[in-house]
Amino acid sequence: MRPGKWKSVYSFKRCLMGSLKKRFQAWYSEQQ
């Protein structure tokens, strides 16, 4: 495994979690 692949996977996961968090916050604010 090359470190470059791990870095891309990490950045992808971070981007995915960021979008999920935004979606959750939008849904949560609608529930209030």
Protein backbone atom coordinates (compact mmCIF):
# COMPACT_ATOMS: atom_id res chain seq x y z
CA MET A 1 0.00 0.00 0.00
CA ARG A 2 1.41 3.38 -1.00
CA PRO A 3 0.88 6.37 1.34
CA GLY A 4 -0.65 8.31 -1.56
CA LYS A 5 -3.55 5.89 -1.74
CA TRP A 6 -4.22 6.19 1.97
CA LYS A 7 -4.21 9.99 1.68
CA SER A 8 -6.78 9.91 -1.12
CA VAL A 9 -8.97 7.48 0.83
CA TYR A 10 -8.72 9.69 3.92
CA SER A 11 -9.64 12.84 2.00
CA PHE A 12 -12.54 11.00 0.36
CA LYS A 13 -13.87 9.81 3.70
CA ARG A 14 -13.48 13.30 5.17
CA CYS A 15 -15.41 14.79 2.25
CA LEU A 16 -18.10 12.13 2.60
CA MET A 17 -18.47 12.75 6.33
CA GLY A 18 -18.65 16.50 5.72
CA SER A 19 -21.52 16.11 3.25
CA LEU A 20 -23.33 13.72 5.59
CA LYS A 21 -22.94 16.17 8.47
CA LYS A 22 -24.34 19.01 6.36
CA ARG A 23 -27.31 16.88 5.33
CA PHE A 24 -27.95 15.85 8.93
CA GLN A 25 -27.78 19.45 10.16
CA ALA A 26 -30.24 20.55 7.48
CA TRP A 27 -32.62 17.71 8.42
CA TYR A 28 -32.22 18.45 12.13
CA SER A 29 -33.00 22.15 11.68
CA GLU A 30 -36.16 21.20 9.76
CA GLN A 31 -37.32 19.03 12.67
CA GLN A 32 -37.19 21.93 15.13
